[in-house]
N, C-alpha and C. Protein backbone atom coordinates (compact mmCIF):
# COMPACT_ATOMS: atom_id res chain seq x y z
N MET A 1 85.60 93.08 60.38
CA MET A 1 84.74 92.92 61.58
C MET A 1 85.41 91.83 61.96
N SER A 2 85.68 91.83 63.34
CA SER A 2 86.53 90.90 64.09
C SER A 2 85.84 89.48 64.29
N LEU A 3 86.39 88.26 64.73
CA LEU A 3 85.73 87.34 65.21
C LEU A 3 84.91 87.32 66.40
N GLY A 4 85.02 88.14 67.04
CA GLY A 4 84.27 88.32 68.53
C GLY A 4 82.89 88.94 68.04
N THR A 5 82.92 89.90 67.27
CA THR A 5 82.04 90.72 66.90
C THR A 5 81.06 89.93 66.15
N LEU A 6 81.66 89.10 65.27
CA LEU A 6 80.59 88.08 64.41
C LEU A 6 80.09 87.03 65.51
N LEU A 7 80.80 86.46 66.21
CA LEU A 7 80.16 85.60 67.49
C LEU A 7 79.14 86.28 67.98
N ILE A 8 79.25 87.44 68.67
CA ILE A 8 78.04 87.91 69.10
C ILE A 8 76.92 88.19 68.44
N ILE A 9 77.09 88.57 67.07
CA ILE A 9 75.98 88.74 66.42
C ILE A 9 75.29 87.61 65.98
N ILE A 10 75.80 86.36 65.78
CA ILE A 10 75.50 85.16 65.49
C ILE A 10 74.61 84.61 66.74
N LEU A 11 75.11 84.95 67.99
CA LEU A 11 74.47 84.53 69.12
C LEU A 11 73.38 85.08 69.54
N VAL A 12 73.21 86.45 69.29
CA VAL A 12 72.18 87.24 69.36
C VAL A 12 70.87 86.70 68.78
N LEU A 13 71.29 86.56 67.34
CA LEU A 13 70.42 86.16 66.37
C LEU A 13 69.84 84.77 66.99
N LEU A 14 70.61 83.93 67.32
CA LEU A 14 70.26 82.61 67.96
C LEU A 14 69.40 82.58 69.23
N LEU A 15 69.69 83.77 69.85
CA LEU A 15 69.03 83.88 71.20
C LEU A 15 67.62 84.40 70.86
N LEU A 16 67.45 85.04 69.84
CA LEU A 16 65.98 85.49 69.50
C LEU A 16 65.39 84.32 68.85
N GLY A 17 65.93 83.47 68.25
CA GLY A 17 65.24 82.38 67.84
C GLY A 17 64.98 81.19 68.59
N VAL A 18 65.42 81.24 69.75
CA VAL A 18 64.84 80.15 70.63
C VAL A 18 64.06 80.80 71.82
N ILE A 19 63.60 81.85 71.69
CA ILE A 19 62.66 82.34 72.60
C ILE A 19 61.17 81.80 72.38
N PRO A 20 60.68 80.99 73.42
CA PRO A 20 59.60 80.22 73.28
C PRO A 20 58.27 80.89 73.00
N THR A 21 58.09 81.53 71.57
CA THR A 21 56.81 82.34 71.49
C THR A 21 55.93 81.54 70.54
N TRP A 22 56.44 80.57 69.72
CA TRP A 22 55.41 79.78 69.09
C TRP A 22 54.94 78.41 69.66
N PRO A 23 53.71 78.15 69.19
CA PRO A 23 52.94 76.92 69.94
C PRO A 23 53.83 75.69 69.98
N HIS A 24 54.69 75.41 69.29
CA HIS A 24 55.40 73.93 69.28
C HIS A 24 56.66 74.29 70.23
N SER A 25 56.88 75.22 70.53
CA SER A 25 58.25 75.68 71.56
C SER A 25 57.91 76.09 72.82
N HIS A 26 56.47 75.96 73.35
CA HIS A 26 56.14 76.43 74.71
C HIS A 26 56.49 75.39 75.78
N SER A 27 56.59 74.02 75.19
CA SER A 27 57.07 73.11 76.08
C SER A 27 58.64 73.00 76.40
N TRP A 28 59.13 73.80 75.63
CA TRP A 28 60.66 73.72 75.99
C TRP A 28 61.13 74.51 77.13
N GLY A 29 60.24 75.52 77.45
CA GLY A 29 60.49 76.59 78.58
C GLY A 29 61.33 77.37 78.01
N TYR A 30 62.42 77.94 79.16
CA TYR A 30 63.45 78.88 78.80
C TYR A 30 64.86 78.37 78.76
N GLY A 31 64.72 76.91 78.79
CA GLY A 31 66.20 76.25 78.68
C GLY A 31 66.98 76.94 77.57
N PRO A 32 66.76 76.60 76.37
CA PRO A 32 67.41 77.03 74.95
C PRO A 32 67.84 78.58 75.29
N SER A 33 66.96 79.34 75.55
CA SER A 33 67.26 81.08 75.46
C SER A 33 68.24 81.03 76.81
N GLY A 34 68.00 80.43 77.79
CA GLY A 34 68.92 80.62 79.01
C GLY A 34 70.27 80.34 78.71
N GLY A 35 70.31 79.12 78.20
CA GLY A 35 71.73 78.49 77.80
C GLY A 35 72.54 79.44 76.83
N LEU A 36 71.72 79.98 75.66
CA LEU A 36 72.20 80.75 74.82
C LEU A 36 72.75 82.00 75.30
N GLY A 37 71.88 82.67 76.33
CA GLY A 37 72.00 83.86 77.16
C GLY A 37 73.40 83.71 77.74
N LEU A 38 73.63 82.66 78.37
CA LEU A 38 74.89 82.30 79.17
C LEU A 38 75.88 82.49 78.53
N VAL A 39 75.89 81.73 77.37
CA VAL A 39 77.28 81.73 76.28
C VAL A 39 77.34 83.20 75.68
N LEU A 40 76.47 83.81 75.49
CA LEU A 40 76.43 85.21 74.98
C LEU A 40 77.21 86.26 76.06
N ILE A 41 76.97 85.95 77.39
CA ILE A 41 77.55 86.83 78.60
C ILE A 41 78.87 86.44 78.56
N ILE A 42 79.13 85.17 78.51
CA ILE A 42 80.64 84.53 78.55
C ILE A 42 81.45 85.25 77.51
N VAL A 43 80.87 85.18 76.11
CA VAL A 43 81.70 85.61 75.09
C VAL A 43 81.94 87.19 75.16
N ILE A 44 80.97 87.99 75.62
CA ILE A 44 81.00 89.46 75.79
C ILE A 44 82.25 89.85 76.96
N VAL A 45 82.14 88.90 78.15
CA VAL A 45 83.33 89.12 79.11
C VAL A 45 84.58 88.87 78.39
N LEU A 46 84.58 87.72 77.68
CA LEU A 46 86.04 87.30 77.09
C LEU A 46 86.64 88.53 76.09
N MET A 47 85.75 89.09 75.53
CA MET A 47 85.76 90.09 74.61
C MET A 47 86.38 91.33 75.26
N LEU A 48 85.60 91.75 76.41
CA LEU A 48 86.05 92.76 77.22
C LEU A 48 87.32 92.65 77.83
N MET A 49 87.58 91.47 78.33
CA MET A 49 88.87 91.17 78.93
C MET A 49 90.09 90.82 77.87
N GLY A 50 89.83 90.90 76.57
CA GLY A 50 90.77 90.98 75.37
C GLY A 50 91.42 89.44 75.24
N ARG A 51 90.52 88.53 75.59
CA ARG A 51 90.84 87.04 75.35
C ARG A 51 90.30 86.64 74.08
N LEU A 52 89.46 87.24 73.49
CA LEU A 52 88.79 86.69 72.23
C LEU A 52 88.78 87.61 71.07
């Protein structure tokens, strides 16, 4: 398994973990999941370009 694939798997799991579905995380809004989503998109684009 390459580094890029491992990174994507970890980022997807983190993205699922920060979705505000629990009562204690409703005040967070979509900031954490939006930030991780952006990082995930950047990693996918870098993988497709062959730079990662």
